[in-house]
């Protein structure tokens, strides 16, 4: 590999990130996984000048992180873990602590969202042993809070309160480039997840609604995910009219975005709505989502 090849890998990775924000990860997984596999094979072949080896290895690790995230969003959890583990090995080999932190943070979220909260906490502890910028500390606190809440520990709310208080002043020149998404909207989205896990869907409603309102226009995936979660908690509190309005927002976004994470929440909402005898219009919308 030459420096031009590394630049091309970086450009491909950035392009995948942009597409993910626009349309979600589902359709992108095969392309990203293949690109990571091919780049890893070229790296393993050893045809890299020693002066470029660390840079090249770190660049391939970043591509693996993106491929793993896309697989996670597509609901391919085993594949996401395998890709994350492979990328983590490369990041460590390259001495890229920044990417190591990112991958460990992603792994903690994957573990928490797949019912392995204790594993998520162990992964968070690995992150907490490394030097962290203020914004990365907030990301780590979010991961710890979500896992803690999944175990029914109400101290998760204290972690979220502290993260909310500190996020506005957390930006530093030492922040990793990938930390751009650690902002108040992200904190609010995870605060909703904490309240939901702690059995307070009423409080989760306000947080998911705020996260949806704060999603940038050029980031439809974030809007889609927040709207799907909002529908779910509105169904849980039986706020039918608001749930139907939120479902209409999901329907408007669904033509261009695909996310298995969001779809799973919508399927759960459809089952809950049917059990609770939701009004016909909402029931029909949710059934349509569940069948996608």
Protein backbone atom coordinates (compact mmCIF):
# COMPACT_ATOMS: atom_id res chain seq x y z
CA UNK A 1 0.00 0.00 0.00
CA UNK A 2 1.14 3.53 -0.82
CA UNK A 3 0.04 6.88 0.61
CA UNK A 4 -2.49 7.26 -2.22
CA UNK A 5 -4.09 3.97 -1.19
CA UNK A 6 -4.40 5.19 2.40
CA UNK A 7 -6.01 8.43 1.21
CA UNK A 8 -8.47 6.40 -0.87
CA UNK A 9 -9.37 4.24 2.14
CA UNK A 10 -10.00 7.35 4.22
CA UNK A 11 -12.20 8.81 1.50
CA UNK A 12 -14.18 5.55 1.23
CA UNK A 13 -14.66 5.47 5.00
CA UNK A 14 -15.87 9.08 5.09
CA UNK A 15 -18.29 8.33 2.25
CA UNK A 16 -19.76 5.38 4.16
CA UNK A 17 -20.23 7.58 7.24
CA UNK A 18 -22.10 10.18 5.17
CA UNK A 19 -24.34 7.54 3.61
CA UNK A 20 -25.06 6.04 7.03
CA UNK A 21 -26.24 9.41 8.34
CA UNK A 22 -28.49 9.83 5.32
CA UNK A 23 -30.00 6.36 4.97
CA UNK A 24 -28.91 4.05 7.79
CA UNK A 25 -26.57 1.10 7.75
CA UNK A 26 -28.62 -1.81 6.45
CA UNK A 27 -27.85 -1.56 2.74
CA UNK A 28 -24.23 -0.58 3.32
CA UNK A 29 -23.04 -3.57 5.34
CA UNK A 30 -21.94 -5.84 2.44
CA UNK A 31 -19.95 -3.05 0.79
CA UNK A 32 -18.28 -1.94 4.03
CA UNK A 33 -17.49 -5.47 5.22
CA UNK A 34 -15.98 -6.39 1.87
CA UNK A 35 -13.87 -3.23 1.79
CA UNK A 36 -12.57 -3.96 5.30
CA UNK A 37 -11.82 -7.58 4.44
CA UNK A 38 -9.91 -6.61 1.31
CA UNK A 39 -7.98 -3.83 3.04
CA UNK A 40 -7.09 -6.17 5.92
CA UNK A 41 -5.83 -8.78 3.48
CA UNK A 42 -3.64 -6.21 1.71
CA UNK A 43 -2.28 -5.08 5.06
CA UNK A 44 -1.57 -8.67 6.11
CA UNK A 45 0.29 -9.31 2.85
CA UNK A 46 3.00 -7.02 4.18
CA UNK A 47 3.41 -4.80 1.14
CA UNK A 48 3.44 -1.61 3.19
CA UNK A 49 6.54 0.59 3.65
CA UNK A 50 7.61 0.66 7.28
CA UNK A 51 7.18 4.45 7.32
CA UNK A 52 3.47 4.03 6.48
CA UNK A 53 2.68 0.89 8.45
CA UNK A 54 1.18 2.54 11.55
CA UNK A 55 -0.85 5.03 9.50
CA UNK A 56 -2.11 2.32 7.17
CA UNK A 57 -3.03 -0.01 10.04
CA UNK A 58 -4.93 2.77 11.82
CA UNK A 59 -6.78 3.66 8.62
CA UNK A 60 -7.89 0.06 8.09
CA UNK A 61 -8.98 -0.09 11.75
CA UNK A 62 -11.18 2.98 11.20
CA UNK A 63 -12.79 1.33 8.19
CA UNK A 64 -13.45 -1.72 10.36
CA UNK A 65 -15.09 0.45 13.02
CA UNK A 66 -17.48 1.87 10.43
CA UNK A 67 -18.25 -1.58 9.00
CA UNK A 68 -18.97 -2.89 12.51
CA UNK A 69 -21.27 0.03 13.31
CA UNK A 70 -23.20 -0.46 10.09
CA UNK A 71 -23.62 -4.17 10.90
CA UNK A 72 -24.88 -3.26 14.37
CA UNK A 73 -27.44 -0.84 12.96
CA UNK A 74 -28.50 -3.56 10.52
CA UNK A 75 -29.15 -5.97 13.40
CA UNK A 76 -26.25 -8.26 12.43
CA UNK A 77 -24.91 -8.46 15.96
CA UNK A 78 -22.51 -11.38 15.59
CA UNK A 79 -20.97 -9.81 12.52
CA UNK A 80 -20.73 -6.45 14.29
CA UNK A 81 -18.83 -8.01 17.19
CA UNK A 82 -16.45 -9.86 14.88
CA UNK A 83 -15.72 -6.74 12.84
CA UNK A 84 -15.25 -4.67 16.01
CA UNK A 85 -12.84 -7.21 17.47
CA UNK A 86 -10.79 -7.32 14.26
CA UNK A 87 -10.69 -3.52 14.06
CA UNK A 88 -9.74 -3.28 17.75
CA UNK A 89 -6.74 -5.57 17.21
CA UNK A 90 -5.58 -3.34 14.36
CA UNK A 91 -6.08 -0.13 16.35
CA UNK A 92 -4.00 -1.52 19.20
CA UNK A 93 -1.30 -2.73 16.79
CA UNK A 94 -1.13 0.77 15.31
CA UNK A 95 -1.01 2.39 18.75
CA UNK A 96 -4.15 4.33 17.90
CA UNK A 97 -5.63 4.89 21.36
CA UNK A 98 -8.30 7.22 19.97
CA UNK A 99 -9.75 4.51 17.73
CA UNK A 100 -9.39 1.95 20.52
CA UNK A 101 -11.59 4.16 22.71
CA UNK A 102 -14.17 4.53 19.95
CA UNK A 103 -14.34 0.80 19.31
CA UNK A 104 -14.61 -0.05 23.00
CA UNK A 105 -17.39 2.52 23.40
CA UNK A 106 -19.25 0.98 20.48
CA UNK A 107 -18.77 -2.53 21.88
CA UNK A 108 -20.21 -1.42 25.22
CA UNK A 109 -23.31 -0.08 23.47
CA UNK A 110 -23.67 -3.26 21.41
CA UNK A 111 -23.44 -5.38 24.56
CA UNK A 112 -25.95 -3.26 26.43
CA UNK A 113 -28.48 -3.24 23.59
CA UNK A 114 -28.25 -7.03 23.17
CA UNK A 115 -28.99 -7.81 26.81
CA UNK A 116 -25.41 -8.17 28.06
CA UNK A 117 -25.26 -5.24 30.47
CA UNK A 118 -22.61 -6.76 32.75
CA UNK A 119 -20.34 -7.34 29.75
CA UNK A 120 -20.97 -3.72 28.78
CA UNK A 121 -19.83 -2.53 32.20
CA UNK A 122 -16.64 -4.60 31.93
CA UNK A 123 -15.96 -2.98 28.56
CA UNK A 124 -16.60 0.48 30.02
CA UNK A 125 -14.02 -0.28 32.70
CA UNK A 126 -11.45 -0.91 29.95
CA UNK A 127 -12.21 2.54 28.52
CA UNK A 128 -11.95 4.19 31.93
CA UNK A 129 -8.38 2.91 32.35
CA UNK A 130 -7.22 4.96 29.34
CA UNK A 131 -6.56 8.73 29.15
CA UNK A 132 -9.82 10.46 28.24
CA UNK A 133 -10.66 13.94 27.02
CA UNK A 134 -13.70 15.54 28.68
CA UNK A 135 -15.97 14.71 25.74
CA UNK A 136 -14.82 11.10 25.62
CA UNK A 137 -15.48 10.91 29.38
CA UNK A 138 -19.06 11.94 28.63
CA UNK A 139 -19.38 9.20 25.99
CA UNK A 140 -18.06 6.73 28.55
CA UNK A 141 -20.52 7.99 31.17
CA UNK A 142 -23.37 7.45 28.71
CA UNK A 143 -22.27 3.86 28.14
CA UNK A 144 -21.99 3.23 31.89
CA UNK A 145 -25.37 4.85 32.54
CA UNK A 146 -27.17 2.76 29.93
CA UNK A 147 -25.67 -0.50 31.20
CA UNK A 148 -26.32 0.44 34.83
CA UNK A 149 -29.95 1.31 34.06
CA UNK A 150 -30.39 -2.01 32.24
CA UNK A 151 -29.48 -3.66 35.55
CA UNK A 152 -32.14 -1.60 37.36
CA UNK A 153 -29.69 0.65 39.17
CA UNK A 154 -31.15 4.13 39.61
CA UNK A 155 -27.69 5.66 40.02
CA UNK A 156 -27.73 5.75 36.23
CA UNK A 157 -29.85 8.89 36.44
CA UNK A 158 -27.09 10.63 38.42
CA UNK A 159 -24.55 9.79 35.71
CA UNK A 160 -26.85 11.25 33.06
CA UNK A 161 -27.46 14.40 35.08
CA UNK A 162 -23.73 14.97 35.38
CA UNK A 163 -23.18 14.33 31.66
CA UNK A 164 -25.96 16.79 30.78
CA UNK A 165 -24.38 19.42 33.02
CA UNK A 166 -20.89 18.97 31.60
CA UNK A 167 -21.47 18.36 27.89
CA UNK A 168 -21.75 22.04 26.95
CA UNK A 169 -18.25 22.80 28.20
CA UNK A 170 -16.64 19.51 27.16
CA UNK A 171 -15.28 20.43 23.72
CA UNK A 172 -11.47 20.50 23.60
CA UNK A 173 -8.86 20.69 20.89
CA UNK A 174 -7.66 17.31 22.16
CA UNK A 175 -10.98 15.61 21.32
CA UNK A 176 -10.77 12.79 18.77
CA UNK A 177 -12.25 13.69 15.40
CA UNK A 178 -14.88 10.98 15.81
CA UNK A 179 -16.32 12.59 18.97
CA UNK A 180 -18.31 15.20 17.01
CA UNK A 181 -21.58 13.38 17.80
CA UNK A 182 -21.13 13.56 21.59
CA UNK A 183 -23.40 16.53 22.19
CA UNK A 184 -26.52 17.50 24.12
CA UNK A 185 -28.77 15.71 21.63
CA UNK A 186 -26.84 12.48 22.16
CA UNK A 187 -26.99 12.86 25.94
CA UNK A 188 -30.74 13.50 25.74
CA UNK A 189 -31.31 10.40 23.59
CA UNK A 190 -29.48 8.21 26.10
CA UNK A 191 -31.21 9.88 29.01
CA UNK A 192 -34.45 8.69 27.45
CA UNK A 193 -33.04 5.17 27.25
CA UNK A 194 -32.11 5.29 30.93
CA UNK A 195 -35.59 6.41 32.00
CA UNK A 196 -37.17 3.74 29.83
CA UNK A 197 -34.97 1.03 31.35
CA UNK A 198 -35.80 2.27 34.84
CA UNK A 199 -39.53 1.92 34.18
CA UNK A 200 -40.27 5.62 33.65
CA UNK A 201 -41.53 5.83 30.06
CA UNK A 202 -43.30 9.09 30.91
CA UNK A 203 -39.93 10.77 31.43
CA UNK A 204 -38.48 9.03 28.40
CA UNK A 205 -41.18 10.61 26.22
CA UNK A 206 -39.94 14.16 26.81
CA UNK A 207 -36.31 13.17 26.21
CA UNK A 208 -36.95 11.30 22.97
CA UNK A 209 -39.11 14.19 21.73
CA UNK A 210 -36.30 16.65 22.51
CA UNK A 211 -33.74 14.42 20.78
CA UNK A 212 -35.97 14.23 17.72
CA UNK A 213 -36.41 18.01 17.63
CA UNK A 214 -32.64 18.50 17.91
CA UNK A 215 -31.69 16.08 15.12
CA UNK A 216 -30.03 17.98 12.23
CA UNK A 217 -31.88 18.12 8.92
CA UNK A 218 -28.90 16.52 7.17
CA UNK A 219 -28.89 13.55 9.58
CA UNK A 220 -32.16 11.70 8.82
CA UNK A 221 -30.95 8.46 10.40
CA UNK A 222 -30.82 10.19 13.80
CA UNK A 223 -34.36 11.52 13.29
CA UNK A 224 -35.61 8.08 12.29
CA UNK A 225 -34.09 6.36 15.31
CA UNK A 226 -35.36 8.99 17.76
CA UNK A 227 -38.86 8.95 16.21
CA UNK A 228 -39.04 5.14 16.42
CA UNK A 229 -38.10 5.22 20.09
CA UNK A 230 -40.58 8.02 20.71
CA UNK A 231 -43.38 5.98 19.16
CA UNK A 232 -42.45 3.04 21.38
CA UNK A 233 -42.61 4.95 24.67
CA UNK A 234 -45.77 6.84 23.64
CA UNK A 235 -47.45 3.47 23.04
CA UNK A 236 -46.19 2.32 26.43
CA UNK A 237 -47.89 5.28 28.17
CA UNK A 238 -50.95 4.90 25.88
CA UNK A 239 -50.74 8.41 24.52
CA UNK A 240 -52.45 7.39 21.30
CA UNK A 241 -52.82 10.74 19.53
CA UNK A 242 -49.19 11.69 20.12
CA UNK A 243 -48.07 8.19 19.13
CA UNK A 244 -49.95 8.49 15.86
CA UNK A 245 -48.30 11.84 15.11
CA UNK A 246 -44.86 10.41 15.87
CA UNK A 247 -45.64 7.36 13.71
CA UNK A 248 -46.49 9.70 10.85
CA UNK A 249 -43.01 11.24 11.23
CA UNK A 250 -41.50 7.76 11.07
CA UNK A 251 -43.50 7.01 7.93
CA UNK A 252 -42.21 10.18 6.27
CA UNK A 253 -38.60 9.22 7.04
CA UNK A 254 -38.98 5.51 6.27
CA UNK A 255 -38.89 5.97 2.51
CA UNK A 256 -35.20 6.88 2.65
CA UNK A 257 -33.83 5.34 5.84
CA UNK A 258 -33.35 1.72 6.93
CA UNK A 259 -32.29 0.75 10.45
CA UNK A 260 -32.87 -2.63 12.07
CA UNK A 261 -32.44 -0.99 15.49
CA UNK A 262 -35.36 1.32 14.75
CA UNK A 263 -37.40 -1.45 13.15
CA UNK A 264 -37.03 -3.61 16.25
CA UNK A 265 -38.46 -0.83 18.41
CA UNK A 266 -41.34 -0.35 15.99
CA UNK A 267 -42.13 -4.08 15.99
CA UNK A 268 -42.22 -4.05 19.79
CA UNK A 269 -44.47 -1.00 19.67
CA UNK A 270 -46.80 -2.75 17.22
CA UNK A 271 -47.19 -5.73 19.55
CA UNK A 272 -47.75 -3.48 22.57
CA UNK A 273 -50.30 -1.39 20.70
CA UNK A 274 -52.22 -4.51 19.65
CA UNK A 275 -52.28 -5.79 23.25
CA UNK A 276 -53.47 -2.40 24.48
CA UNK A 277 -56.16 -2.11 21.79
CA UNK A 278 -54.74 1.05 20.24
CA UNK A 279 -56.94 3.01 17.83
CA UNK A 280 -57.17 1.55 14.34
CA UNK A 281 -55.17 4.22 12.53
CA UNK A 282 -52.16 3.84 14.79
CA UNK A 283 -52.47 0.07 14.79
CA UNK A 284 -52.45 -0.01 10.99
CA UNK A 285 -49.36 2.21 10.79
CA UNK A 286 -47.44 0.12 13.28
CA UNK A 287 -48.40 -3.14 11.59
CA UNK A 288 -47.07 -1.72 8.32
CA UNK A 289 -43.77 -0.85 10.02
CA UNK A 290 -43.55 -4.27 11.67
CA UNK A 291 -43.91 -6.05 8.35
CA UNK A 292 -40.96 -4.22 6.74
